[in-house]
Amino acid sequence: MAPDNITTNHWKRLLNACNTLNELKKNGYSVTVYSQINSNVEHKKLLWDLLQDEISVVLYYDISMISAEKIKAEYDYIWINTILLYDVVNRMLPLGIPTYWWLHEADDFYESMKEKIIYPQADNLTVLTVGWIAENAYRRYSHNNNSKCLLYLQNL
């Protein structure tokens, strides 16, 4: 049986994750995307494309309402995409499931959110970034150098 992987995505970042999701699926993972409902046409098309690629999609009115108990019962890995979901990361870490947090944001985003973000740390958390700009921003604002750059699943 293929390992189960849950992925949560903020809709603006979904496009960046589509190739990764398909690569995970090609590598034998059963992938489910949890996303917040959005009326944006591009978001709907991306979710439709995922369904066409036989990737499960579960929609929430509020992504923070994901049930931790359900996740623990059904998934072997959690892949969370975007700094916006720091609260979901913080809720999932106590489950003990290996969690990958793949970040895309640059300094300006961190600057606008710096009063709100609580940076999670745990043995089961791996922080990944899409490149050196995102990695430097994360390290600068989180004061945590325990992250690495991941480009298209090349070095996971």
N, C-alpha and C. Protein backbone atom coordinates (compact mmCIF):
# COMPACT_ATOMS: atom_id res chain seq x y z
N MET A 1 0.84 -1.18 0.00
CA MET A 1 0.00 0.00 0.00
C MET A 1 0.89 1.24 0.00
N ALA A 2 0.53 2.24 -0.78
CA ALA A 2 1.30 3.47 -0.88
C ALA A 2 1.15 4.30 0.39
N PRO A 3 2.23 4.96 0.81
CA PRO A 3 2.11 5.85 1.97
C PRO A 3 1.12 6.97 1.67
N ASP A 4 0.39 7.38 2.68
CA ASP A 4 -0.57 8.46 2.51
C ASP A 4 0.08 9.78 2.86
N ASN A 5 -0.22 10.80 2.07
CA ASN A 5 0.36 12.12 2.25
C ASN A 5 -0.76 13.15 2.17
N ILE A 6 -0.85 14.02 3.16
CA ILE A 6 -1.82 15.10 3.11
C ILE A 6 -1.07 16.38 2.77
N THR A 7 -1.65 17.20 1.94
CA THR A 7 -1.06 18.48 1.59
C THR A 7 -2.09 19.56 1.81
N THR A 8 -1.72 20.63 2.50
CA THR A 8 -2.60 21.77 2.64
C THR A 8 -1.98 22.93 1.89
N ASN A 9 -2.81 23.70 1.23
CA ASN A 9 -2.31 24.78 0.39
C ASN A 9 -3.17 26.03 0.50
N HIS A 10 -2.54 27.15 0.58
CA HIS A 10 -3.24 28.41 0.41
C HIS A 10 -3.44 28.56 -1.09
N TRP A 11 -4.58 29.03 -1.55
CA TRP A 11 -4.91 28.99 -2.97
C TRP A 11 -3.90 29.71 -3.84
N LYS A 12 -3.30 30.79 -3.39
CA LYS A 12 -2.33 31.52 -4.21
C LYS A 12 -1.08 30.70 -4.45
N ARG A 13 -0.80 29.76 -3.57
CA ARG A 13 0.41 28.95 -3.67
C ARG A 13 0.15 27.60 -4.33
N LEU A 14 -1.10 27.30 -4.63
CA LEU A 14 -1.45 25.99 -5.16
C LEU A 14 -0.74 25.68 -6.47
N LEU A 15 -0.64 26.66 -7.33
CA LEU A 15 0.03 26.45 -8.62
C LEU A 15 1.45 25.96 -8.42
N ASN A 16 2.16 26.53 -7.45
CA ASN A 16 3.55 26.14 -7.20
C ASN A 16 3.65 24.71 -6.69
N ALA A 17 2.60 24.20 -6.10
CA ALA A 17 2.64 22.87 -5.53
C ALA A 17 2.19 21.78 -6.49
N CYS A 18 1.49 22.12 -7.57
CA CYS A 18 0.92 21.10 -8.47
C CYS A 18 1.97 20.13 -8.99
N ASN A 19 3.10 20.64 -9.45
CA ASN A 19 4.14 19.73 -9.95
C ASN A 19 4.65 18.82 -8.85
N THR A 20 4.80 19.35 -7.66
CA THR A 20 5.25 18.55 -6.52
C THR A 20 4.25 17.46 -6.20
N LEU A 21 2.97 17.80 -6.20
CA LEU A 21 1.93 16.81 -5.90
C LEU A 21 1.95 15.68 -6.92
N ASN A 22 2.09 16.03 -8.19
CA ASN A 22 2.15 15.00 -9.22
C ASN A 22 3.41 14.14 -9.09
N GLU A 23 4.52 14.76 -8.70
CA GLU A 23 5.75 13.98 -8.49
C GLU A 23 5.59 13.02 -7.32
N LEU A 24 4.97 13.48 -6.24
CA LEU A 24 4.72 12.59 -5.11
C LEU A 24 3.86 11.40 -5.54
N LYS A 25 2.82 11.68 -6.31
CA LYS A 25 1.93 10.62 -6.80
C LYS A 25 2.70 9.64 -7.69
N LYS A 26 3.54 10.16 -8.59
CA LYS A 26 4.33 9.31 -9.47
C LYS A 26 5.28 8.43 -8.68
N ASN A 27 5.71 8.92 -7.51
CA ASN A 27 6.64 8.17 -6.67
C ASN A 27 5.94 7.25 -5.68
N GLY A 28 4.65 6.99 -5.90
CA GLY A 28 3.94 5.98 -5.12
C GLY A 28 3.17 6.48 -3.92
N TYR A 29 3.09 7.79 -3.73
CA TYR A 29 2.33 8.33 -2.61
C TYR A 29 0.87 8.53 -2.99
N SER A 30 0.01 8.28 -2.04
CA SER A 30 -1.41 8.60 -2.18
C SER A 30 -1.58 10.01 -1.62
N VAL A 31 -1.92 10.97 -2.48
CA VAL A 31 -1.91 12.39 -2.11
C VAL A 31 -3.34 12.91 -1.98
N THR A 32 -3.59 13.64 -0.90
CA THR A 32 -4.86 14.34 -0.70
C THR A 32 -4.56 15.80 -0.45
N VAL A 33 -5.24 16.69 -1.17
CA VAL A 33 -5.08 18.13 -0.98
C VAL A 33 -6.24 18.66 -0.17
N TYR A 34 -5.92 19.33 0.92
CA TYR A 34 -6.92 20.04 1.72
C TYR A 34 -6.75 21.51 1.40
N SER A 35 -7.82 22.15 0.96
CA SER A 35 -7.75 23.55 0.56
C SER A 35 -8.97 24.31 1.05
N GLN A 36 -8.78 25.59 1.20
CA GLN A 36 -9.90 26.44 1.60
C GLN A 36 -10.73 26.79 0.36
N ILE A 37 -12.05 26.80 0.51
CA ILE A 37 -12.93 27.17 -0.59
C ILE A 37 -12.66 28.61 -0.98
N ASN A 38 -12.59 28.83 -2.27
CA ASN A 38 -12.30 30.16 -2.78
C ASN A 38 -13.06 30.34 -4.08
N SER A 39 -13.54 31.53 -4.34
CA SER A 39 -14.32 31.76 -5.56
C SER A 39 -13.44 32.14 -6.75
N ASN A 40 -12.14 32.22 -6.55
CA ASN A 40 -11.23 32.58 -7.63
C ASN A 40 -11.26 31.52 -8.72
N VAL A 41 -11.40 31.94 -9.96
CA VAL A 41 -11.50 31.02 -11.10
C VAL A 41 -10.23 30.20 -11.26
N GLU A 42 -9.07 30.82 -11.09
CA GLU A 42 -7.81 30.09 -11.23
C GLU A 42 -7.71 28.98 -10.17
N HIS A 43 -8.13 29.27 -8.97
CA HIS A 43 -8.12 28.29 -7.90
C HIS A 43 -8.99 27.09 -8.27
N LYS A 44 -10.18 27.37 -8.77
CA LYS A 44 -11.09 26.29 -9.17
C LYS A 44 -10.48 25.45 -10.27
N LYS A 45 -9.83 26.09 -11.24
CA LYS A 45 -9.22 25.34 -12.34
C LYS A 45 -8.08 24.45 -11.83
N LEU A 46 -7.27 24.99 -10.93
CA LEU A 46 -6.17 24.20 -10.38
C LEU A 46 -6.69 22.98 -9.62
N LEU A 47 -7.72 23.17 -8.83
CA LEU A 47 -8.31 22.04 -8.10
C LEU A 47 -8.91 21.02 -9.07
N TRP A 48 -9.56 21.50 -10.11
CA TRP A 48 -10.11 20.61 -11.13
C TRP A 48 -8.99 19.81 -11.80
N ASP A 49 -7.88 20.48 -12.12
CA ASP A 49 -6.74 19.79 -12.73
C ASP A 49 -6.20 18.70 -11.80
N LEU A 50 -6.16 18.98 -10.51
CA LEU A 50 -5.70 17.96 -9.56
C LEU A 50 -6.63 16.75 -9.57
N LEU A 51 -7.93 17.01 -9.60
CA LEU A 51 -8.89 15.91 -9.66
C LEU A 51 -8.70 15.10 -10.94
N GLN A 52 -8.43 15.77 -12.06
CA GLN A 52 -8.19 15.08 -13.32
C GLN A 52 -6.94 14.21 -13.24
N ASP A 53 -5.98 14.63 -12.41
CA ASP A 53 -4.75 13.85 -12.21
C ASP A 53 -4.94 12.79 -11.12
N GLU A 54 -6.21 12.57 -10.71
CA GLU A 54 -6.57 11.59 -9.69
C GLU A 54 -5.92 11.88 -8.34
N ILE A 55 -5.83 13.16 -8.01
CA ILE A 55 -5.38 13.59 -6.68
C ILE A 55 -6.62 14.04 -5.93
N SER A 56 -6.85 13.46 -4.76
CA SER A 56 -8.03 13.78 -3.96
C SER A 56 -7.97 15.22 -3.48
N VAL A 57 -9.13 15.87 -3.45
CA VAL A 57 -9.24 17.25 -2.99
C VAL A 57 -10.37 17.32 -1.96
N VAL A 58 -10.08 17.91 -0.79
CA VAL A 58 -11.07 18.13 0.25
C VAL A 58 -11.11 19.63 0.51
N LEU A 59 -12.30 20.21 0.44
CA LEU A 59 -12.44 21.66 0.60
C LEU A 59 -13.03 22.01 1.96
N TYR A 60 -12.53 23.08 2.53
CA TYR A 60 -13.00 23.60 3.80
C TYR A 60 -13.37 25.07 3.62
N TYR A 61 -14.37 25.52 4.37
CA TYR A 61 -14.64 26.96 4.42
C TYR A 61 -13.53 27.66 5.18
N ASP A 62 -12.99 26.98 6.17
CA ASP A 62 -11.89 27.51 6.97
C ASP A 62 -10.86 26.39 7.12
N ILE A 63 -9.71 26.55 6.47
CA ILE A 63 -8.69 25.50 6.43
C ILE A 63 -8.19 25.13 7.83
N SER A 64 -8.31 26.06 8.77
CA SER A 64 -7.84 25.76 10.12
C SER A 64 -8.75 24.77 10.85
N MET A 65 -9.87 24.41 10.24
CA MET A 65 -10.80 23.46 10.85
C MET A 65 -10.46 22.00 10.55
N ILE A 66 -9.33 21.75 9.91
CA ILE A 66 -8.91 20.37 9.64
C ILE A 66 -8.84 19.60 10.96
N SER A 67 -9.39 18.42 10.96
CA SER A 67 -9.42 17.58 12.16
C SER A 67 -8.07 16.88 12.36
N ALA A 68 -7.40 17.19 13.45
CA ALA A 68 -6.12 16.56 13.75
C ALA A 68 -6.28 15.06 13.94
N GLU A 69 -7.38 14.63 14.53
CA GLU A 69 -7.62 13.21 14.77
C GLU A 69 -7.75 12.45 13.44
N LYS A 70 -8.44 13.05 12.49
CA LYS A 70 -8.59 12.42 11.17
C LYS A 70 -7.24 12.32 10.47
N ILE A 71 -6.46 13.37 10.57
CA ILE A 71 -5.14 13.37 9.95
C ILE A 71 -4.28 12.26 10.54
N LYS A 72 -4.27 12.16 11.85
CA LYS A 72 -3.45 11.14 12.52
C LYS A 72 -3.88 9.73 12.11
N ALA A 73 -5.17 9.53 11.95
CA ALA A 73 -5.68 8.21 11.60
C ALA A 73 -5.41 7.83 10.15
N GLU A 74 -5.29 8.81 9.26
CA GLU A 74 -5.27 8.50 7.83
C GLU A 74 -3.97 8.77 7.09
N TYR A 75 -3.02 9.51 7.68
CA TYR A 75 -1.86 9.94 6.89
C TYR A 75 -0.54 9.61 7.56
N ASP A 76 0.45 9.32 6.71
CA ASP A 76 1.80 9.01 7.17
C ASP A 76 2.71 10.22 7.13
N TYR A 77 2.41 11.19 6.28
CA TYR A 77 3.19 12.41 6.11
C TYR A 77 2.24 13.59 5.91
N ILE A 78 2.70 14.76 6.35
CA ILE A 78 1.94 15.99 6.11
C ILE A 78 2.87 16.94 5.37
N TRP A 79 2.35 17.52 4.31
CA TRP A 79 3.09 18.48 3.50
C TRP A 79 2.26 19.76 3.49
N ILE A 80 2.78 20.81 4.10
CA ILE A 80 2.04 22.07 4.21
C ILE A 80 2.76 23.13 3.41
N ASN A 81 2.00 23.82 2.59
CA ASN A 81 2.55 24.76 1.62
C ASN A 81 2.14 26.19 2.00
N THR A 82 3.07 27.02 2.39
CA THR A 82 2.97 28.46 2.63
C THR A 82 3.03 28.83 4.10
N ILE A 83 3.66 29.95 4.37
CA ILE A 83 3.79 30.48 5.73
C ILE A 83 2.43 30.81 6.32
N LEU A 84 1.44 31.10 5.48
CA LEU A 84 0.11 31.45 5.96
C LEU A 84 -0.51 30.36 6.83
N LEU A 85 -0.07 29.14 6.66
CA LEU A 85 -0.65 28.03 7.40
C LEU A 85 0.17 27.66 8.64
N TYR A 86 0.89 28.63 9.21
CA TYR A 86 1.68 28.37 10.41
C TYR A 86 0.81 27.83 11.55
N ASP A 87 -0.44 28.28 11.63
CA ASP A 87 -1.32 27.79 12.69
C ASP A 87 -1.69 26.33 12.48
N VAL A 88 -1.85 25.91 11.23
CA VAL A 88 -2.12 24.50 10.93
C VAL A 88 -0.89 23.67 11.27
N VAL A 89 0.30 24.17 10.92
CA VAL A 89 1.54 23.47 11.27
C VAL A 89 1.60 23.26 12.78
N ASN A 90 1.36 24.31 13.53
CA ASN A 90 1.41 24.22 15.00
C ASN A 90 0.40 23.22 15.55
N ARG A 91 -0.76 23.09 14.91
CA ARG A 91 -1.77 22.12 15.37
C ARG A 91 -1.42 20.69 15.00
N MET A 92 -0.71 20.49 13.89
CA MET A 92 -0.40 19.14 13.41
C MET A 92 0.84 18.55 14.08
N LEU A 93 1.79 19.35 14.50
CA LEU A 93 3.05 18.83 15.03
C LEU A 93 2.89 17.89 16.23
N PRO A 94 1.98 18.17 17.17
CA PRO A 94 1.83 17.24 18.30
C PRO A 94 1.40 15.83 17.90
N LEU A 95 0.92 15.65 16.68
CA LEU A 95 0.51 14.32 16.23
C LEU A 95 1.72 13.40 16.04
N GLY A 96 2.90 13.98 15.89
CA GLY A 96 4.11 13.18 15.72
C GLY A 96 4.34 12.70 14.30
N ILE A 97 3.50 13.09 13.37
CA ILE A 97 3.63 12.68 11.96
C ILE A 97 4.70 13.55 11.31
N PRO A 98 5.62 12.95 10.52
CA PRO A 98 6.60 13.77 9.82
C PRO A 98 5.89 14.85 8.98
N THR A 99 6.29 16.10 9.22
CA THR A 99 5.63 17.23 8.58
C THR A 99 6.65 18.05 7.81
N TYR A 100 6.34 18.32 6.55
CA TYR A 100 7.18 19.14 5.68
C TYR A 100 6.45 20.45 5.43
N TRP A 101 7.12 21.55 5.73
CA TRP A 101 6.54 22.88 5.54
C TRP A 101 7.33 23.56 4.46
N TRP A 102 6.72 23.68 3.27
CA TRP A 102 7.41 24.19 2.09
C TRP A 102 7.04 25.64 1.88
N LEU A 103 8.01 26.53 2.08
CA LEU A 103 7.77 27.97 2.08
C LEU A 103 8.23 28.65 0.80
N HIS A 104 7.46 29.67 0.38
CA HIS A 104 7.71 30.39 -0.87
C HIS A 104 7.91 31.88 -0.67
N GLU A 105 7.61 32.39 0.50
CA GLU A 105 7.48 33.83 0.71
C GLU A 105 8.83 34.52 0.91
N ALA A 106 8.86 35.79 0.51
CA ALA A 106 10.04 36.65 0.65
C ALA A 106 9.86 37.59 1.85
N ASP A 107 10.85 38.43 2.08
CA ASP A 107 10.88 39.34 3.23
C ASP A 107 9.62 40.17 3.41
N ASP A 108 9.07 40.71 2.33
CA ASP A 108 7.93 41.62 2.47
C ASP A 108 6.73 40.93 3.12
N PHE A 109 6.55 39.67 2.83
CA PHE A 109 5.43 38.94 3.43
C PHE A 109 5.66 38.73 4.92
N TYR A 110 6.86 38.33 5.29
CA TYR A 110 7.19 38.14 6.70
C TYR A 110 7.05 39.45 7.47
N GLU A 111 7.48 40.53 6.85
CA GLU A 111 7.40 41.84 7.50
C GLU A 111 5.95 42.21 7.80
N SER A 112 5.06 41.90 6.88
CA SER A 112 3.64 42.23 7.09
C SER A 112 2.97 41.32 8.12
N MET A 113 3.54 40.15 8.38
CA MET A 113 2.93 39.18 9.29
C MET A 113 3.72 38.99 10.59
N LYS A 114 4.80 39.73 10.78
CA LYS A 114 5.74 39.41 11.86
C LYS A 114 5.14 39.42 13.26
N GLU A 115 4.09 40.17 13.48
CA GLU A 115 3.48 40.21 14.80
C GLU A 115 2.56 39.00 15.04
N LYS A 116 2.17 38.31 13.99
CA LYS A 116 1.18 37.23 14.10
C LYS A 116 1.79 35.84 14.11
N ILE A 117 2.89 35.66 13.39
CA ILE A 117 3.42 34.32 13.18
C ILE A 117 4.09 33.76 14.43
N ILE A 118 3.71 32.54 14.78
CA ILE A 118 4.38 31.77 15.82
C ILE A 118 5.12 30.66 15.09
N TYR A 119 6.44 30.73 15.09
CA TYR A 119 7.24 29.78 14.32
C TYR A 119 7.36 28.45 15.04
N PRO A 120 6.80 27.41 14.46
CA PRO A 120 6.85 26.09 15.10
C PRO A 120 8.24 25.47 15.03
N GLN A 121 8.55 24.66 16.02
CA GLN A 121 9.76 23.87 16.04
C GLN A 121 9.44 22.52 16.65
N ALA A 122 9.89 21.47 16.01
CA ALA A 122 9.66 20.12 16.53
C ALA A 122 10.57 19.16 15.78
N ASP A 123 10.83 18.03 16.40
CA ASP A 123 11.68 17.02 15.77
C ASP A 123 11.06 16.46 14.50
N ASN A 124 9.73 16.46 14.41
CA ASN A 124 9.07 15.90 13.23
C ASN A 124 8.78 16.96 12.16
N LEU A 125 9.33 18.17 12.30
CA LEU A 125 9.12 19.23 11.32
C LEU A 125 10.38 19.46 10.50
N THR A 126 10.21 19.44 9.18
CA THR A 126 11.27 19.80 8.25
C THR A 126 10.80 21.04 7.49
N VAL A 127 11.56 22.12 7.61
CA VAL A 127 11.22 23.35 6.90
C VAL A 127 12.01 23.38 5.60
N LEU A 128 11.27 23.50 4.51
CA LEU A 128 11.85 23.55 3.17
C LEU A 128 11.49 24.88 2.52
N THR A 129 12.32 25.35 1.62
CA THR A 129 12.03 26.59 0.91
C THR A 129 12.25 26.38 -0.59
N VAL A 130 11.62 27.24 -1.39
CA VAL A 130 11.72 27.08 -2.84
C VAL A 130 13.00 27.67 -3.42
N GLY A 131 13.76 28.37 -2.63
CA GLY A 131 15.00 28.97 -3.13
C GLY A 131 15.64 29.82 -2.05
N TRP A 132 16.76 30.44 -2.41
CA TRP A 132 17.54 31.18 -1.42
C TRP A 132 16.82 32.40 -0.89
N ILE A 133 15.98 33.06 -1.68
CA ILE A 133 15.25 34.24 -1.20
C ILE A 133 14.27 33.82 -0.09
N ALA A 134 13.50 32.78 -0.33
CA ALA A 134 12.56 32.30 0.68
C ALA A 134 13.31 31.75 1.89
N GLU A 135 14.41 31.05 1.66
CA GLU A 135 15.17 30.50 2.77
C GLU A 135 15.76 31.60 3.66
N ASN A 136 16.34 32.61 3.04
CA ASN A 136 16.91 33.72 3.82
C ASN A 136 15.83 34.47 4.59
N ALA A 137 14.67 34.67 3.99
CA ALA A 137 13.57 35.36 4.68
C ALA A 137 13.12 34.54 5.89
N TYR A 138 12.92 33.26 5.71
CA TYR A 138 12.50 32.41 6.84
C TYR A 138 13.53 32.47 7.97
N ARG A 139 14.79 32.30 7.62
CA ARG A 139 15.84 32.29 8.64
C ARG A 139 15.94 33.63 9.37
N ARG A 140 15.79 34.70 8.62
CA ARG A 140 15.89 36.04 9.21
C ARG A 140 14.76 36.31 10.21
N TYR A 141 13.55 35.96 9.85
CA TYR A 141 12.40 36.28 10.70
C TYR A 141 12.12 35.23 11.78
N SER A 142 12.44 33.98 11.51
CA SER A 142 12.19 32.93 12.52
C SER A 142 13.37 32.78 13.49
N HIS A 143 14.53 33.32 13.11
CA HIS A 143 15.76 33.16 13.88
C HIS A 143 16.11 31.68 14.01
N ASN A 144 15.79 30.93 12.97
CA ASN A 144 16.02 29.49 12.95
C ASN A 144 16.75 29.14 11.65
N ASN A 145 17.94 28.58 11.76
CA ASN A 145 18.72 28.21 10.57
C ASN A 145 18.49 26.77 10.15
N ASN A 146 17.53 26.11 10.77
CA ASN A 146 17.26 24.71 10.49
C ASN A 146 16.24 24.58 9.35
N SER A 147 16.65 24.98 8.16
CA SER A 147 15.82 24.85 6.97
C SER A 147 16.73 24.50 5.81
N LYS A 148 16.12 24.01 4.75
CA LYS A 148 16.92 23.74 3.56
C LYS A 148 16.10 24.02 2.32
N CYS A 149 16.82 24.28 1.25
CA CYS A 149 16.19 24.61 -0.02
C CYS A 149 15.79 23.32 -0.74
N LEU A 150 14.58 23.30 -1.25
CA LEU A 150 14.08 22.16 -2.01
C LEU A 150 13.52 22.66 -3.33
N LEU A 151 14.15 22.26 -4.39
CA LEU A 151 13.69 22.63 -5.73
C LEU A 151 13.13 21.40 -6.41
N TYR A 152 11.83 21.35 -6.59
CA TYR A 152 11.18 20.30 -7.37
C TYR A 152 11.51 18.88 -6.92
N LEU A 153 11.54 18.65 -5.63
CA LEU A 153 11.79 17.32 -5.04
C LEU A 153 13.13 16.73 -5.42
N GLN A 154 14.09 17.56 -5.85
CA GLN A 154 15.38 17.04 -6.28
C GLN A 154 16.23 16.51 -5.13
N ASN A 155 16.08 17.11 -3.95
CA ASN A 155 16.99 16.74 -2.87
C ASN A 155 16.26 16.44 -1.56
N LEU A 156 15.07 15.86 -1.64
CA LEU A 156 14.31 15.56 -0.43
C LEU A 156 14.84 14.33 0.27
